[in-house]
Amino acid sequence: MQKQYGRNQRVADLIQHELAPLLQRDLRDPKMGLVTISRVDLSPDLGNARIFITSIGGQPDQEKLVTSLNHSAGHFRRELAKILRLRSVPRLHFAYDTSIEKGNRLYALIDSLKTDKHNEEAS
């Protein structure tokens, strides 16, 4: 069965597309690095949006970054309301996406297993 690409996913993609430049414009702390949106999950009623973010280039305190963004969520929601043509803009909740770090860690583990196996064969 083919998965439907419904309104929920279209709105999530639209929020991600429009929110990304707002984050770049309004977050100017060089310690934060380049903050990017990895995905947006919307509740079925489109009332709440969970925005998963990552930071590239800097080593920010993840909790501080998420707290700062959640504190500014109202500002970002107002800015989105000016841009989007929706009846109501969902409440924004930011969360740090650790999937990239987990993937890098798994890749390093697999790579170390390959090197260990190669060293054993050479002996």
C-alpha atoms as a PDB file:
ATOM      1  CA  MET A   1       0.000   0.000   0.000  1.00  0.00           C
ATOM      2  CA  GLN A   2       1.381   3.375  -1.003  1.00  0.00           C
ATOM      3  CA  LYS A   3       1.704   5.936   1.776  1.00  0.00           C
ATOM      4  CA  GLN A   4      -0.321   9.073   1.206  1.00  0.00           C
ATOM      5  CA  TYR A   5       1.431  12.413   1.156  1.00  0.00           C
ATOM      6  CA  GLY A   6      -1.286  14.245   3.044  1.00  0.00           C
ATOM      7  CA  ARG A   7      -1.915  17.710   4.324  1.00  0.00           C
ATOM      8  CA  ASN A   8      -0.077  16.999   7.568  1.00  0.00           C
ATOM      9  CA  GLN A   9       3.188  16.270   5.735  1.00  0.00           C
ATOM     10  CA  ARG A  10       2.756  19.187   3.326  1.00  0.00           C
ATOM     11  CA  VAL A  11       2.284  21.621   6.218  1.00  0.00           C
ATOM     12  CA  ALA A  12       5.295  20.137   8.042  1.00  0.00           C
ATOM     13  CA  ASP A  13       7.448  20.591   4.930  1.00  0.00           C
ATOM     14  CA  LEU A  14       6.178  24.143   4.511  1.00  0.00           C
ATOM     15  CA  ILE A  15       7.013  25.006   8.116  1.00  0.00           C
ATOM     16  CA  GLN A  16      10.493  23.534   7.735  1.00  0.00           C
ATOM     17  CA  HIS A  17      11.074  25.459   4.493  1.00  0.00           C
ATOM     18  CA  GLU A  18       9.943  28.804   5.917  1.00  0.00           C
ATOM     19  CA  LEU A  19      11.384  28.441   9.433  1.00  0.00           C
ATOM     20  CA  ALA A  20      14.943  27.591   8.334  1.00  0.00           C
ATOM     21  CA  PRO A  21      15.791  31.097   7.036  1.00  0.00           C
ATOM     22  CA  LEU A  22      14.182  32.654  10.124  1.00  0.00           C
ATOM     23  CA  LEU A  23      16.477  30.622  12.376  1.00  0.00           C
ATOM     24  CA  GLN A  24      19.516  31.657  10.350  1.00  0.00           C
ATOM     25  CA  ARG A  25      18.496  35.306  10.500  1.00  0.00           C
ATOM     26  CA  ASP A  26      17.589  35.470  14.185  1.00  0.00           C
ATOM     27  CA  LEU A  27      20.262  33.189  15.699  1.00  0.00           C
ATOM     28  CA  ARG A  28      23.526  35.049  15.477  1.00  0.00           C
ATOM     29  CA  ASP A  29      25.517  33.476  18.279  1.00  0.00           C
ATOM     30  CA  PRO A  30      28.721  32.029  16.725  1.00  0.00           C
ATOM     31  CA  LYS A  31      28.975  29.460  19.548  1.00  0.00           C
ATOM     32  CA  MET A  32      25.745  27.887  18.312  1.00  0.00           C
ATOM     33  CA  GLY A  33      27.190  27.123  14.890  1.00  0.00           C
ATOM     34  CA  LEU A  34      24.865  26.596  11.955  1.00  0.00           C
ATOM     35  CA  VAL A  35      21.508  25.509  13.332  1.00  0.00           C
ATOM     36  CA  THR A  36      19.524  23.429  10.859  1.00  0.00           C
ATOM     37  CA  ILE A  37      16.129  21.775  10.957  1.00  0.00           C
ATOM     38  CA  SER A  38      16.352  18.035  10.396  1.00  0.00           C
ATOM     39  CA  ARG A  39      12.603  17.369  10.453  1.00  0.00           C
ATOM     40  CA  VAL A  40       9.232  18.677  11.596  1.00  0.00           C
ATOM     41  CA  ASP A  41       6.546  16.445  13.114  1.00  0.00           C
ATOM     42  CA  LEU A  42       3.009  17.763  13.346  1.00  0.00           C
ATOM     43  CA  SER A  43       0.229  16.549  15.587  1.00  0.00           C
ATOM     44  CA  PRO A  44      -2.784  15.124  13.722  1.00  0.00           C
ATOM     45  CA  ASP A  45      -4.852  18.230  14.486  1.00  0.00           C
ATOM     46  CA  LEU A  46      -2.028  20.535  13.212  1.00  0.00           C
ATOM     47  CA  GLY A  47      -2.010  22.319  16.565  1.00  0.00           C
ATOM     48  CA  ASN A  48       1.534  21.459  17.663  1.00  0.00           C
ATOM     49  CA  ALA A  49       4.766  21.136  15.723  1.00  0.00           C
ATOM     50  CA  ARG A  50       7.883  19.455  17.090  1.00  0.00           C
ATOM     51  CA  ILE A  51      10.918  20.858  15.302  1.00  0.00           C
ATOM     52  CA  PHE A  52      14.039  18.694  15.452  1.00  0.00           C
ATOM     53  CA  ILE A  53      17.238  20.716  15.094  1.00  0.00           C
ATOM     54  CA  THR A  54      20.930  19.995  14.761  1.00  0.00           C
ATOM     55  CA  SER A  55      23.956  22.247  14.988  1.00  0.00           C
ATOM     56  CA  ILE A  56      26.817  22.081  12.517  1.00  0.00           C
ATOM     57  CA  GLY A  57      30.159  23.794  12.969  1.00  0.00           C
ATOM     58  CA  GLY A  58      29.867  24.706  16.620  1.00  0.00           C
ATOM     59  CA  GLN A  59      29.683  22.723  19.824  1.00  0.00           C
ATOM     60  CA  PRO A  60      26.758  24.357  21.591  1.00  0.00           C
ATOM     61  CA  ASP A  61      25.302  23.194  24.841  1.00  0.00           C
ATOM     62  CA  GLN A  62      22.310  21.290  23.462  1.00  0.00           C
ATOM     63  CA  GLU A  63      20.069  22.006  26.435  1.00  0.00           C
ATOM     64  CA  LYS A  64      20.896  25.715  26.317  1.00  0.00           C
ATOM     65  CA  LEU A  65      20.202  25.854  22.581  1.00  0.00           C
ATOM     66  CA  VAL A  66      16.850  24.071  22.890  1.00  0.00           C
ATOM     67  CA  THR A  67      15.869  26.196  25.905  1.00  0.00           C
ATOM     68  CA  SER A  68      16.732  29.362  24.003  1.00  0.00           C
ATOM     69  CA  LEU A  69      14.737  28.285  20.961  1.00  0.00           C
ATOM     70  CA  ASN A  70      11.730  27.217  23.033  1.00  0.00           C
ATOM     71  CA  HIS A  71      11.869  30.588  24.786  1.00  0.00           C
ATOM     72  CA  SER A  72      11.766  32.277  21.345  1.00  0.00           C
ATOM     73  CA  ALA A  73       9.074  29.959  19.959  1.00  0.00           C
ATOM     74  CA  GLY A  74       6.404  32.663  20.173  1.00  0.00           C
ATOM     75  CA  HIS A  75       8.518  35.023  18.077  1.00  0.00           C
ATOM     76  CA  PHE A  76       9.087  32.360  15.417  1.00  0.00           C
ATOM     77  CA  ARG A  77       5.381  31.477  15.430  1.00  0.00           C
ATOM     78  CA  ARG A  78       4.435  35.137  14.828  1.00  0.00           C
ATOM     79  CA  GLU A  79       6.970  35.384  11.998  1.00  0.00           C
ATOM     80  CA  LEU A  80       5.571  32.208  10.424  1.00  0.00           C
ATOM     81  CA  ALA A  81       2.032  33.592  10.727  1.00  0.00           C
ATOM     82  CA  LYS A  82       3.108  36.568   8.583  1.00  0.00           C
ATOM     83  CA  ILE A  83       4.471  34.243   5.886  1.00  0.00           C
ATOM     84  CA  LEU A  84       2.213  31.184   5.855  1.00  0.00           C
ATOM     85  CA  ARG A  85      -1.333  31.141   4.569  1.00  0.00           C
ATOM     86  CA  LEU A  86      -2.760  28.904   7.285  1.00  0.00           C
ATOM     87  CA  ARG A  87      -5.836  29.396   9.396  1.00  0.00           C
ATOM     88  CA  SER A  88      -3.720  28.876  12.506  1.00  0.00           C
ATOM     89  CA  VAL A  89       0.008  28.343  12.888  1.00  0.00           C
ATOM     90  CA  PRO A  90       0.911  25.412  15.166  1.00  0.00           C
ATOM     91  CA  ARG A  91       2.623  25.952  18.509  1.00  0.00           C
ATOM     92  CA  LEU A  92       6.331  25.290  18.090  1.00  0.00           C
ATOM     93  CA  HIS A  93       8.307  22.943  20.327  1.00  0.00           C
ATOM     94  CA  PHE A  94      12.026  22.556  19.634  1.00  0.00           C
ATOM     95  CA  ALA A  95      14.032  19.392  20.363  1.00  0.00           C
ATOM     96  CA  TYR A  96      17.639  18.480  19.596  1.00  0.00           C
ATOM     97  CA  ASP A  97      18.001  15.675  17.035  1.00  0.00           C
ATOM     98  CA  THR A  98      20.694  13.248  18.137  1.00  0.00           C
ATOM     99  CA  SER A  99      20.306  10.870  15.195  1.00  0.00           C
ATOM    100  CA  ILE A 100      23.302  12.339  13.342  1.00  0.00           C
ATOM    101  CA  GLU A 101      25.602  11.848  16.329  1.00  0.00           C
ATOM    102  CA  LYS A 102      24.278   8.310  16.815  1.00  0.00           C
ATOM    103  CA  GLY A 103      24.893   7.556  13.143  1.00  0.00           C
ATOM    104  CA  ASN A 104      28.449   8.901  13.320  1.00  0.00           C
ATOM    105  CA  ARG A 105      29.128   6.832  16.443  1.00  0.00           C
ATOM    106  CA  LEU A 106      27.821   3.662  14.769  1.00  0.00           C
ATOM    107  CA  TYR A 107      29.892   4.382  11.676  1.00  0.00           C
ATOM    108  CA  ALA A 108      33.019   4.801  13.830  1.00  0.00           C
ATOM    109  CA  LEU A 109      32.282   1.507  15.632  1.00  0.00           C
ATOM    110  CA  ILE A 110      31.849  -0.361  12.355  1.00  0.00           C
ATOM    111  CA  ASP A 111      35.011   1.224  10.984  1.00  0.00           C
ATOM    112  CA  SER A 112      36.973   0.212  14.106  1.00  0.00           C
ATOM    113  CA  LEU A 113      35.713  -3.381  13.729  1.00  0.00           C
ATOM    114  CA  LYS A 114      36.918  -3.431  10.133  1.00  0.00           C
ATOM    115  CA  THR A 115      40.381  -2.174  11.175  1.00  0.00           C
ATOM    116  CA  ASP A 116      40.598  -4.719  14.009  1.00  0.00           C
ATOM    117  CA  LYS A 117      39.671  -7.545  11.626  1.00  0.00           C
ATOM    118  CA  HIS A 118      42.197  -6.313   9.066  1.00  0.00           C
ATOM    119  CA  ASN A 119      44.947  -6.161  11.744  1.00  0.00           C
ATOM    120  CA  GLU A 120      44.150  -9.731  12.882  1.00  0.00           C
ATOM    121  CA  GLU A 121      44.389 -11.045   9.315  1.00  0.00           C
ATOM    122  CA  ALA A 122      47.738  -9.289   8.776  1.00  0.00           C
ATOM    123  CA  SER A 123      49.242 -10.964  11.860  1.00  0.00           C
END
